[in-house]
C-alpha atoms as a PDB file:
ATOM      1  CA  MET A   1       0.101  -0.091  -0.061  1.00  0.00           C
ATOM      2  CA  ASP A   2       1.206   3.481  -0.590  1.00  0.00           C
ATOM      3  CA  ILE A   3       2.314   4.906   2.611  1.00  0.00           C
ATOM      4  CA  ASP A   4       0.730   8.405   1.416  1.00  0.00           C
ATOM      5  CA  LEU A   5      -2.400   6.763   1.590  1.00  0.00           C
ATOM      6  CA  ALA A   6      -2.225   6.339   5.060  1.00  0.00           C
ATOM      7  CA  ARG A   7      -0.618   9.683   5.863  1.00  0.00           C
ATOM      8  CA  THR A   8      -3.662  11.206   4.234  1.00  0.00           C
ATOM      9  CA  PHE A   9      -6.308   9.233   5.899  1.00  0.00           C
ATOM     10  CA  LEU A  10      -4.463  10.598   9.420  1.00  0.00           C
ATOM     11  CA  ASP A  11      -4.381  13.731   8.359  1.00  0.00           C
ATOM     12  CA  ILE A  12      -7.922  13.894   7.632  1.00  0.00           C
ATOM     13  CA  ILE A  13      -8.776  12.733  11.100  1.00  0.00           C
ATOM     14  CA  ARG A  14      -6.508  15.367  12.567  1.00  0.00           C
ATOM     15  CA  SER A  15      -7.883  18.274  10.164  1.00  0.00           C
ATOM     16  CA  GLY A  16     -11.232  17.006  10.419  1.00  0.00           C
ATOM     17  CA  SER A  17     -12.227  17.403   6.665  1.00  0.00           C
ATOM     18  CA  PHE A  18     -11.088  16.838   2.768  1.00  0.00           C
ATOM     19  CA  ILE A  19     -10.804  20.242   2.164  1.00  0.00           C
ATOM     20  CA  ALA A  20      -8.533  20.977   5.303  1.00  0.00           C
ATOM     21  CA  THR A  21      -6.201  18.105   4.416  1.00  0.00           C
ATOM     22  CA  ALA A  22      -6.030  19.338   0.885  1.00  0.00           C
ATOM     23  CA  GLU A  23      -4.717  22.442   2.033  1.00  0.00           C
ATOM     24  CA  ARG A  24      -2.336  21.146   4.673  1.00  0.00           C
ATOM     25  CA  LEU A  25      -0.630  18.516   2.161  1.00  0.00           C
ATOM     26  CA  HIS A  26      -0.562  20.947  -0.871  1.00  0.00           C
ATOM     27  CA  ILE A  27      -2.726  19.000  -3.245  1.00  0.00           C
ATOM     28  CA  THR A  28      -6.304  19.339  -4.594  1.00  0.00           C
ATOM     29  CA  GLN A  29      -9.400  18.013  -2.853  1.00  0.00           C
ATOM     30  CA  THR A  30      -9.789  15.939  -5.901  1.00  0.00           C
ATOM     31  CA  ALA A  31      -6.499  13.991  -4.844  1.00  0.00           C
ATOM     32  CA  VAL A  32      -7.439  13.615  -1.377  1.00  0.00           C
ATOM     33  CA  THR A  33     -10.750  11.720  -2.375  1.00  0.00           C
ATOM     34  CA  ALA A  34      -8.761   9.869  -4.786  1.00  0.00           C
ATOM     35  CA  ARG A  35      -6.441   8.648  -2.383  1.00  0.00           C
ATOM     36  CA  VAL A  36      -9.529   7.997   0.184  1.00  0.00           C
ATOM     37  CA  HIS A  37     -11.241   5.850  -2.540  1.00  0.00           C
ATOM     38  CA  ASN A  38      -8.025   4.162  -3.510  1.00  0.00           C
ATOM     39  CA  LEU A  39      -7.448   3.051   0.155  1.00  0.00           C
ATOM     40  CA  GLU A  40     -10.983   1.929   0.844  1.00  0.00           C
ATOM     41  CA  SER A  41     -11.000  -0.153  -2.592  1.00  0.00           C
ATOM     42  CA  GLN A  42      -8.104  -2.003  -1.041  1.00  0.00           C
ATOM     43  CA  LEU A  43      -9.629  -2.418   2.267  1.00  0.00           C
ATOM     44  CA  ASN A  44     -12.802  -3.284   0.842  1.00  0.00           C
ATOM     45  CA  CYS A  45     -14.443  -1.179   3.461  1.00  0.00           C
ATOM     46  CA  ARG A  46     -15.798   2.334   3.703  1.00  0.00           C
ATOM     47  CA  LEU A  47     -13.695   4.611   6.461  1.00  0.00           C
ATOM     48  CA  PHE A  48     -15.210   7.948   6.227  1.00  0.00           C
ATOM     49  CA  VAL A  49     -18.493   9.274   5.912  1.00  0.00           C
ATOM     50  CA  ARG A  50     -18.985  13.213   4.446  1.00  0.00           C
ATOM     51  CA  ASN A  51     -21.287  15.624   5.515  1.00  0.00           C
ATOM     52  CA  ARG A  52     -21.364  19.719   5.706  1.00  0.00           C
ATOM     53  CA  ALA A  53     -19.616  19.380   9.149  1.00  0.00           C
ATOM     54  CA  GLY A  54     -16.431  17.474   7.471  1.00  0.00           C
ATOM     55  CA  ALA A  55     -15.621  14.243   7.632  1.00  0.00           C
ATOM     56  CA  ARG A  56     -16.308  11.413  10.464  1.00  0.00           C
ATOM     57  CA  LEU A  57     -15.006   8.166  10.867  1.00  0.00           C
ATOM     58  CA  THR A  58     -16.991   4.862  10.250  1.00  0.00           C
ATOM     59  CA  SER A  59     -16.553   1.607  12.605  1.00  0.00           C
ATOM     60  CA  ASP A  60     -13.890   0.558  10.038  1.00  0.00           C
ATOM     61  CA  GLY A  61     -12.410   3.575   9.515  1.00  0.00           C
ATOM     62  CA  GLU A  62     -11.695   3.886  13.604  1.00  0.00           C
ATOM     63  CA  ARG A  63     -10.393   0.509  13.806  1.00  0.00           C
ATOM     64  CA  PHE A  64      -7.949   0.922  10.899  1.00  0.00           C
ATOM     65  CA  VAL A  65      -6.618   4.030  12.896  1.00  0.00           C
ATOM     66  CA  ALA A  66      -4.249   1.952  14.975  1.00  0.00           C
ATOM     67  CA  TYR A  67      -2.850  -0.017  11.893  1.00  0.00           C
ATOM     68  CA  ALA A  68      -2.470   3.343   9.790  1.00  0.00           C
ATOM     69  CA  THR A  69      -0.375   4.932  12.608  1.00  0.00           C
ATOM     70  CA  GLN A  70       1.923   1.715  12.464  1.00  0.00           C
ATOM     71  CA  LEU A  71       2.449   1.575   8.996  1.00  0.00           C
ATOM     72  CA  VAL A  72       3.446   5.475   9.326  1.00  0.00           C
ATOM     73  CA  GLN A  73       5.502   5.253  12.374  1.00  0.00           C
ATOM     74  CA  THR A  74       7.389   1.810  10.865  1.00  0.00           C
ATOM     75  CA  TRP A  75       8.101   3.615   7.680  1.00  0.00           C
ATOM     76  CA  GLU A  76       9.463   6.657   9.434  1.00  0.00           C
ATOM     77  CA  ALA A  77      11.701   4.661  11.260  1.00  0.00           C
ATOM     78  CA  ALA A  78      12.734   2.538   8.268  1.00  0.00           C
ATOM     79  CA  ARG A  79      13.652   5.703   6.405  1.00  0.00           C
ATOM     80  CA  ARG A  80      15.606   7.031   9.330  1.00  0.00           C
ATOM     81  CA  ASP A  81      17.785   4.028  10.062  1.00  0.00           C
ATOM     82  CA  LEU A  82      18.761   2.831   6.526  1.00  0.00           C
ATOM     83  CA  PRO A  83      21.075   2.803   5.162  1.00  0.00           C
ATOM     84  CA  LEU A  84      23.340   2.593   8.321  1.00  0.00           C
ATOM     85  CA  PRO A  85      26.266   4.775   8.555  1.00  0.00           C
ATOM     86  CA  HIS A  86      29.570   3.733   6.714  1.00  0.00           C
ATOM     87  CA  SER A  87      31.340   1.187   8.377  1.00  0.00           C
ATOM     88  CA  TYR A  88      28.786   0.072  10.698  1.00  0.00           C
ATOM     89  CA  ALA A  89      27.888  -3.302  11.292  1.00  0.00           C
ATOM     90  CA  ASN A  90      24.295  -3.063  13.214  1.00  0.00           C
ATOM     91  CA  LEU A  91      22.156  -0.652  14.700  1.00  0.00           C
ATOM     92  CA  LEU A  92      20.761  -0.221  18.235  1.00  0.00           C
ATOM     93  CA  THR A  93      17.865   1.897  19.242  1.00  0.00           C
ATOM     94  CA  LEU A  94      17.449   2.078  22.932  1.00  0.00           C
ATOM     95  CA  GLY A  95      15.059   4.189  24.827  1.00  0.00           C
ATOM     96  CA  ALA A  96      14.495   5.973  28.431  1.00  0.00           C
ATOM     97  CA  GLU A  97      12.293   8.026  30.297  1.00  0.00           C
ATOM     98  CA  VAL A  98      13.592  11.259  31.328  1.00  0.00           C
ATOM     99  CA  SER A  99      14.191  10.736  34.620  1.00  0.00           C
ATOM    100  CA  LEU A 100      16.550   7.746  33.635  1.00  0.00           C
ATOM    101  CA  CYS A 101      18.447   9.374  30.756  1.00  0.00           C
ATOM    102  CA  ASN A 102      21.177  10.640  33.255  1.00  0.00           C
ATOM    103  CA  PRO A 103      23.200   9.172  34.418  1.00  0.00           C
ATOM    104  CA  LEU A 104      21.690   5.369  33.760  1.00  0.00           C
ATOM    105  CA  MET A 105      21.353   5.814  29.843  1.00  0.00           C
ATOM    106  CA  LEU A 106      24.325   7.942  29.739  1.00  0.00           C
ATOM    107  CA  ALA A 107      26.462   5.690  31.436  1.00  0.00           C
ATOM    108  CA  TRP A 108      25.237   2.937  29.134  1.00  0.00           C
ATOM    109  CA  LEU A 109      25.794   4.874  25.877  1.00  0.00           C
ATOM    110  CA  GLN A 110      29.197   5.420  26.504  1.00  0.00           C
ATOM    111  CA  CYS A 111      29.821   1.916  27.577  1.00  0.00           C
ATOM    112  CA  LEU A 112      28.172   0.809  24.224  1.00  0.00           C
ATOM    113  CA  ARG A 113      30.600   2.839  22.376  1.00  0.00           C
ATOM    114  CA  GLN A 114      33.566   1.646  23.834  1.00  0.00           C
ATOM    115  CA  ALA A 115      32.661  -2.253  23.737  1.00  0.00           C
ATOM    116  CA  MET A 116      30.603  -2.390  20.676  1.00  0.00           C
ATOM    117  CA  PRO A 117      32.327   0.297  18.317  1.00  0.00           C
ATOM    118  CA  THR A 118      31.098  -1.216  15.168  1.00  0.00           C
ATOM    119  CA  HIS A 119      27.284  -0.715  16.351  1.00  0.00           C
ATOM    120  CA  ALA A 120      25.569   2.139  15.595  1.00  0.00           C
ATOM    121  CA  VAL A 121      23.533   3.625  18.486  1.00  0.00           C
ATOM    122  CA  ARG A 122      20.176   5.735  18.383  1.00  0.00           C
ATOM    123  CA  SER A 123      18.705   6.802  21.823  1.00  0.00           C
ATOM    124  CA  GLU A 124      15.135   7.851  22.301  1.00  0.00           C
ATOM    125  CA  VAL A 125      13.746   9.880  25.249  1.00  0.00           C
ATOM    126  CA  ALA A 126      10.188   9.729  25.928  1.00  0.00           C
ATOM    127  CA  SER A 127       7.233   8.853  28.130  1.00  0.00           C
ATOM    128  CA  GLY A 128       7.272   4.726  29.203  1.00  0.00           C
ATOM    129  CA  SER A 129       4.159   4.228  27.866  1.00  0.00           C
ATOM    130  CA  LEU A 130       5.385   5.695  24.166  1.00  0.00           C
ATOM    131  CA  LEU A 131       8.574   3.558  24.730  1.00  0.00           C
ATOM    132  CA  GLN A 132       6.612   0.332  25.427  1.00  0.00           C
ATOM    133  CA  GLN A 133       4.376   1.064  22.299  1.00  0.00           C
ATOM    134  CA  GLN A 134       7.680   1.501  19.948  1.00  0.00           C
ATOM    135  CA  LEU A 135       8.794  -1.849  21.350  1.00  0.00           C
ATOM    136  CA  ASP A 136       5.884  -3.477  20.821  1.00  0.00           C
ATOM    137  CA  LEU A 137       6.060  -2.206  17.204  1.00  0.00           C
ATOM    138  CA  GLY A 138       9.540  -3.301  16.958  1.00  0.00           C
ATOM    139  CA  LEU A 139      10.694   0.620  16.325  1.00  0.00           C
ATOM    140  CA  ILE A 140      13.284   0.164  19.450  1.00  0.00           C
ATOM    141  CA  ASP A 141      15.301  -2.758  20.879  1.00  0.00           C
ATOM    142  CA  ALA A 142      15.163  -1.816  24.896  1.00  0.00           C
ATOM    143  CA  ALA A 143      14.104   0.783  26.877  1.00  0.00           C
ATOM    144  CA  LEU A 144      14.747   1.872  30.871  1.00  0.00           C
ATOM    145  CA  VAL A 145      11.451   2.579  32.592  1.00  0.00           C
ATOM    146  CA  HIS A 146       9.833   3.180  36.143  1.00  0.00           C
ATOM    147  CA  GLN A 147       6.242   1.757  35.683  1.00  0.00           C
ATOM    148  CA  PRO A 148       6.318  -1.303  32.692  1.00  0.00           C
ATOM    149  CA  GLU A 149       3.175  -2.661  31.274  1.00  0.00           C
ATOM    150  CA  TYR A 150       3.137  -6.251  31.061  1.00  0.00           C
ATOM    151  CA  TRP A 151       2.113  -7.299  27.815  1.00  0.00           C
ATOM    152  CA  PRO A 152       2.687 -10.638  25.932  1.00  0.00           C
ATOM    153  CA  SER A 153       5.252  -9.688  23.542  1.00  0.00           C
ATOM    154  CA  LEU A 154       7.751  -7.955  26.247  1.00  0.00           C
ATOM    155  CA  GLN A 155      10.024  -8.999  28.444  1.00  0.00           C
ATOM    156  CA  VAL A 156      10.361  -6.989  31.657  1.00  0.00           C
ATOM    157  CA  GLU A 157      13.162  -6.945  34.010  1.00  0.00           C
ATOM    158  CA  GLN A 158      13.637  -5.074  37.402  1.00  0.00           C
ATOM    159  CA  LEU A 159      16.750  -3.628  37.152  1.00  0.00           C
ATOM    160  CA  LEU A 160      17.547  -1.400  40.239  1.00  0.00           C
ATOM    161  CA  GLU A 161      15.354  -0.966  43.348  1.00  0.00           C
ATOM    162  CA  GLU A 162      14.359   2.885  43.679  1.00  0.00           C
ATOM    163  CA  LYS A 163      12.117   4.395  46.344  1.00  0.00           C
ATOM    164  CA  LEU A 164      10.693   7.552  46.884  1.00  0.00           C
ATOM    165  CA  ILE A 165      10.973   9.671  50.162  1.00  0.00           C
ATOM    166  CA  GLN A 166       9.626  12.917  51.505  1.00  0.00           C
ATOM    167  CA  VAL A 167      12.412  15.439  52.043  1.00  0.00           C
ATOM    168  CA  GLY A 168      12.577  18.929  52.606  1.00  0.00           C
ATOM    169  CA  GLN A 169      14.733  22.127  52.677  1.00  0.00           C
ATOM    170  CA  ILE A 170      16.417  21.998  56.106  1.00  0.00           C
ATOM    171  CA  ASN A 171      15.903  25.918  56.449  1.00  0.00           C
ATOM    172  CA  ASN A 172      12.576  26.113  54.605  1.00  0.00           C
ATOM    173  CA  PRO A 173      10.433  22.893  54.818  1.00  0.00           C
ATOM    174  CA  ASN A 174       7.015  24.517  53.622  1.00  0.00           C
ATOM    175  CA  PRO A 175       5.215  24.331  51.726  1.00  0.00           C
ATOM    176  CA  TYR A 176       4.236  20.778  50.520  1.00  0.00           C
ATOM    177  CA  VAL A 177       5.163  20.093  46.884  1.00  0.00           C
ATOM    178  CA  TYR A 178       3.374  17.414  44.974  1.00  0.00           C
ATOM    179  CA  VAL A 179       5.397  15.704  42.663  1.00  0.00           C
ATOM    180  CA  ASP A 180       3.680  13.296  40.123  1.00  0.00           C
ATOM    181  CA  TRP A 181       5.472  10.028  39.796  1.00  0.00           C
ATOM    182  CA  GLY A 182       2.525   8.414  37.796  1.00  0.00           C
ATOM    183  CA  PRO A 183      -0.568   6.587  38.370  1.00  0.00           C
ATOM    184  CA  THR A 184       0.781   3.856  40.932  1.00  0.00           C
ATOM    185  CA  PHE A 185       2.264   6.582  43.023  1.00  0.00           C
ATOM    186  CA  ARG A 186      -0.815   8.863  42.865  1.00  0.00           C
ATOM    187  CA  LYS A 187      -3.070   6.082  43.966  1.00  0.00           C
ATOM    188  CA  LEU A 188      -0.825   5.010  46.904  1.00  0.00           C
ATOM    189  CA  HIS A 189      -0.070   8.561  47.968  1.00  0.00           C
ATOM    190  CA  ASP A 190      -3.681   9.921  48.028  1.00  0.00           C
ATOM    191  CA  ILE A 191      -4.762   7.007  50.210  1.00  0.00           C
ATOM    192  CA  ALA A 192      -1.272   7.260  52.832  1.00  0.00           C
ATOM    193  CA  LEU A 193      -1.391  10.965  52.586  1.00  0.00           C
ATOM    194  CA  PRO A 194      -4.998  12.249  51.831  1.00  0.00           C
ATOM    195  CA  GLU A 195      -4.486  15.732  53.104  1.00  0.00           C
ATOM    196  CA  TYR A 196      -2.221  16.370  50.424  1.00  0.00           C
ATOM    197  CA  THR A 197      -3.975  15.234  47.525  1.00  0.00           C
ATOM    198  CA  ARG A 198      -4.651  18.684  46.142  1.00  0.00           C
ATOM    199  CA  ALA A 199      -1.300  20.585  46.627  1.00  0.00           C
ATOM    200  CA  ALA A 200      -0.855  24.669  45.331  1.00  0.00           C
ATOM    201  CA  LEU A 201       2.304  23.691  43.475  1.00  0.00           C
ATOM    202  CA  SER A 202       3.170  20.672  41.819  1.00  0.00           C
ATOM    203  CA  PHE A 203       5.384  18.928  39.492  1.00  0.00           C
ATOM    204  CA  ASN A 204       5.591  16.120  36.877  1.00  0.00           C
ATOM    205  CA  LEU A 205       9.404  15.991  36.452  1.00  0.00           C
ATOM    206  CA  GLY A 206      11.510  15.131  39.316  1.00  0.00           C
ATOM    207  CA  PRO A 207      14.474  16.945  38.826  1.00  0.00           C
ATOM    208  CA  LEU A 208      12.965  20.254  38.127  1.00  0.00           C
ATOM    209  CA  ALA A 209      10.941  19.732  41.692  1.00  0.00           C
ATOM    210  CA  LEU A 210      14.447  18.955  43.060  1.00  0.00           C
ATOM    211  CA  GLN A 211      15.734  22.244  41.874  1.00  0.00           C
ATOM    212  CA  TYR A 212      12.537  24.099  43.213  1.00  0.00           C
ATOM    213  CA  LEU A 213      13.250  22.721  46.623  1.00  0.00           C
ATOM    214  CA  LEU A 214      16.751  23.527  46.643  1.00  0.00           C
ATOM    215  CA  GLN A 215      16.285  27.312  45.653  1.00  0.00           C
ATOM    216  CA  CYS A 216      13.048  28.077  47.063  1.00  0.00           C
ATOM    217  CA  GLY A 217      12.253  25.711  49.683  1.00  0.00           C
ATOM    218  CA  GLY A 218       9.458  23.379  50.739  1.00  0.00           C
ATOM    219  CA  ARG A 219       9.172  19.564  50.985  1.00  0.00           C
ATOM    220  CA  GLY A 220       8.011  16.723  48.654  1.00  0.00           C
ATOM    221  CA  TYR A 221       8.815  13.257  47.248  1.00  0.00           C
ATOM    222  CA  LEU A 222      12.011  12.586  45.541  1.00  0.00           C
ATOM    223  CA  ARG A 223      13.654   9.568  44.744  1.00  0.00           C
ATOM    224  CA  ALA A 224      16.514   8.414  47.234  1.00  0.00           C
ATOM    225  CA  ARG A 225      19.391   7.800  45.266  1.00  0.00           C
ATOM    226  CA  VAL A 226      18.982  11.465  43.795  1.00  0.00           C
ATOM    227  CA  VAL A 227      18.745  13.226  47.103  1.00  0.00           C
ATOM    228  CA  GLN A 228      21.155  11.071  49.038  1.00  0.00           C
ATOM    229  CA  PRO A 229      24.055  13.879  48.621  1.00  0.00           C
ATOM    230  CA  TYR A 230      22.199  16.446  49.489  1.00  0.00           C
ATOM    231  CA  LEU A 231      20.865  14.582  52.808  1.00  0.00           C
ATOM    232  CA  ASP A 232      24.378  14.008  53.682  1.00  0.00           C
ATOM    233  CA  GLU A 233      25.393  17.591  53.008  1.00  0.00           C
ATOM    234  CA  GLY A 234      22.752  18.743  55.337  1.00  0.00           C
ATOM    235  CA  ILE A 235      20.722  21.075  52.650  1.00  0.00           C
ATOM    236  CA  LEU A 236      17.911  18.475  52.792  1.00  0.00           C
ATOM    237  CA  LYS A 237      16.417  16.356  55.445  1.00  0.00           C
ATOM    238  CA  ARG A 238      13.803  13.423  55.683  1.00  0.00           C
ATOM    239  CA  VAL A 239      10.605  14.264  56.948  1.00  0.00           C
ATOM    240  CA  GLU A 240       9.973  12.166  59.848  1.00  0.00           C
ATOM    241  CA  LYS A 241       6.961   9.550  60.168  1.00  0.00           C
ATOM    242  CA  THR A 242       6.160   9.624  56.481  1.00  0.00           C
ATOM    243  CA  PRO A 243       5.563   6.797  53.995  1.00  0.00           C
ATOM    244  CA  GLU A 244       8.033   5.460  51.598  1.00  0.00           C
ATOM    245  CA  PHE A 245       6.933   4.334  48.050  1.00  0.00           C
ATOM    246  CA  SER A 246       8.564   1.753  46.038  1.00  0.00           C
ATOM    247  CA  TYR A 247       9.898   3.180  42.535  1.00  0.00           C
ATOM    248  CA  PRO A 248      12.133   0.552  40.770  1.00  0.00           C
ATOM    249  CA  ILE A 249      13.475   0.787  37.488  1.00  0.00           C
ATOM    250  CA  TYR A 250      12.804  -1.841  34.746  1.00  0.00           C
ATOM    251  CA  LEU A 251      14.445  -2.961  31.575  1.00  0.00           C
ATOM    252  CA  VAL A 252      11.879  -3.768  29.008  1.00  0.00           C
ATOM    253  CA  TYR A 253      12.536  -5.678  25.537  1.00  0.00           C
ATOM    254  CA  SER A 254      10.887  -7.761  22.844  1.00  0.00           C
ATOM    255  CA  ARG A 255      10.906 -11.413  23.738  1.00  0.00           C
ATOM    256  CA  ALA A 256      10.682 -12.186  19.920  1.00  0.00           C
ATOM    257  CA  VAL A 257      14.164 -10.346  19.056  1.00  0.00           C
ATOM    258  CA  ASP A 258      17.086 -12.705  19.282  1.00  0.00           C
ATOM    259  CA  SER A 259      19.856 -10.420  18.434  1.00  0.00           C
ATOM    260  CA  PRO A 260      23.583 -11.070  19.939  1.00  0.00           C
ATOM    261  CA  ALA A 261      24.004  -7.592  19.971  1.00  0.00           C
ATOM    262  CA  LEU A 262      21.316  -6.746  21.786  1.00  0.00           C
ATOM    263  CA  HIS A 263      21.889  -9.664  24.390  1.00  0.00           C
ATOM    264  CA  ASN A 264      25.754  -8.009  24.667  1.00  0.00           C
ATOM    265  CA  ALA A 265      24.048  -4.797  25.025  1.00  0.00           C
ATOM    266  CA  LEU A 266      21.775  -5.840  27.791  1.00  0.00           C
ATOM    267  CA  LYS A 267      24.476  -7.547  29.651  1.00  0.00           C
ATOM    268  CA  LEU A 268      26.862  -4.254  29.738  1.00  0.00           C
ATOM    269  CA  LEU A 269      23.760  -2.474  30.892  1.00  0.00           C
ATOM    270  CA  ARG A 270      23.208  -4.933  33.925  1.00  0.00           C
ATOM    271  CA  GLU A 271      26.945  -4.153  34.556  1.00  0.00           C
ATOM    272  CA  VAL A 272      26.596  -0.254  34.537  1.00  0.00           C
ATOM    273  CA  ALA A 273      23.323  -0.518  36.768  1.00  0.00           C
ATOM    274  CA  GLN A 274      25.897  -1.850  39.751  1.00  0.00           C
ATOM    275  CA  ASP A 275      28.197   1.238  39.171  1.00  0.00           C
ATOM    276  CA  ASN A 276      27.797   4.008  41.735  1.00  0.00           C
ATOM    277  CA  PHE A 277      26.642   7.348  40.240  1.00  0.00           C
ATOM    278  CA  ASP A 278      26.057  10.494  41.676  1.00  0.00           C
ATOM    279  CA  TRP A 279      22.363  10.467  40.892  1.00  0.00           C
ATOM    280  CA  SER A 280      21.609  14.172  41.763  1.00  0.00           C
ATOM    281  CA  ARG A 281      23.823  15.314  38.947  1.00  0.00           C
ATOM    282  CA  TRP A 282      21.838  16.569  35.787  1.00  0.00           C
ATOM    283  CA  ASP A 283      23.986  18.490  33.814  1.00  0.00           C
ATOM    284  CA  TYR A 284      27.083  16.232  33.070  1.00  0.00           C
ATOM    285  CA  GLU A 285      30.402  17.118  30.983  1.00  0.00           C
ATOM    286  CA  VAL A 286      30.610  14.969  28.049  1.00  0.00           C
END
């Protein structure tokens, strides 16, 4: 199937009409209509119902959205990855959540360049859910996440044990700052600390929340590995009689992939994970 047919189909969904898609893609409305008819003919079903308000998906059209998205993503990945750079034997595509790209992902990439110099490496930083979708589609080889989804096609392996603890600036421990560590944390946090379910100030990125606490004061839940140096220096302190929450780090990869290069890369990651890093540092000199 012509990949432009899938792109046109997805653009109509985003724009809401054949006319808007024609303008966005710089083609005629007749060309848009022809592409949709071609696609419907190949699939032997109707995808859109057109009316004065624009274009509405049929039930078959709604089911085709996921397939069209996968087609376009896979094609874009192929265009990006092929051909390999000259003199490189293979490509590894590795992903990580934002909070794990430094120091763990950075150290892994550095180790890979030293141990596997003939392999090209591409890194992706995204949300855990997006990374696992890309794994399921075969667009990346492995990913580091905090809250994995257990799909039949994916292997989930706990790499490190991590916990969230409540800390506060030693000179100014107020107010309470809510740091969103995902749905599991939200559920347990609201049960254990119902008085803090709604905070005036909240963050969904741990490193940013940490910098705010250090510079402006307050208290909230942060990763124990990250705040330990500040606890040792007396800049932050543990808030007494507050619950801890588990927040481990997981390695996720496809069960179907049997690549010696990937197996070697995962072995290196497990070794790297045992090293002692300064998890509080965000800006590394590379």
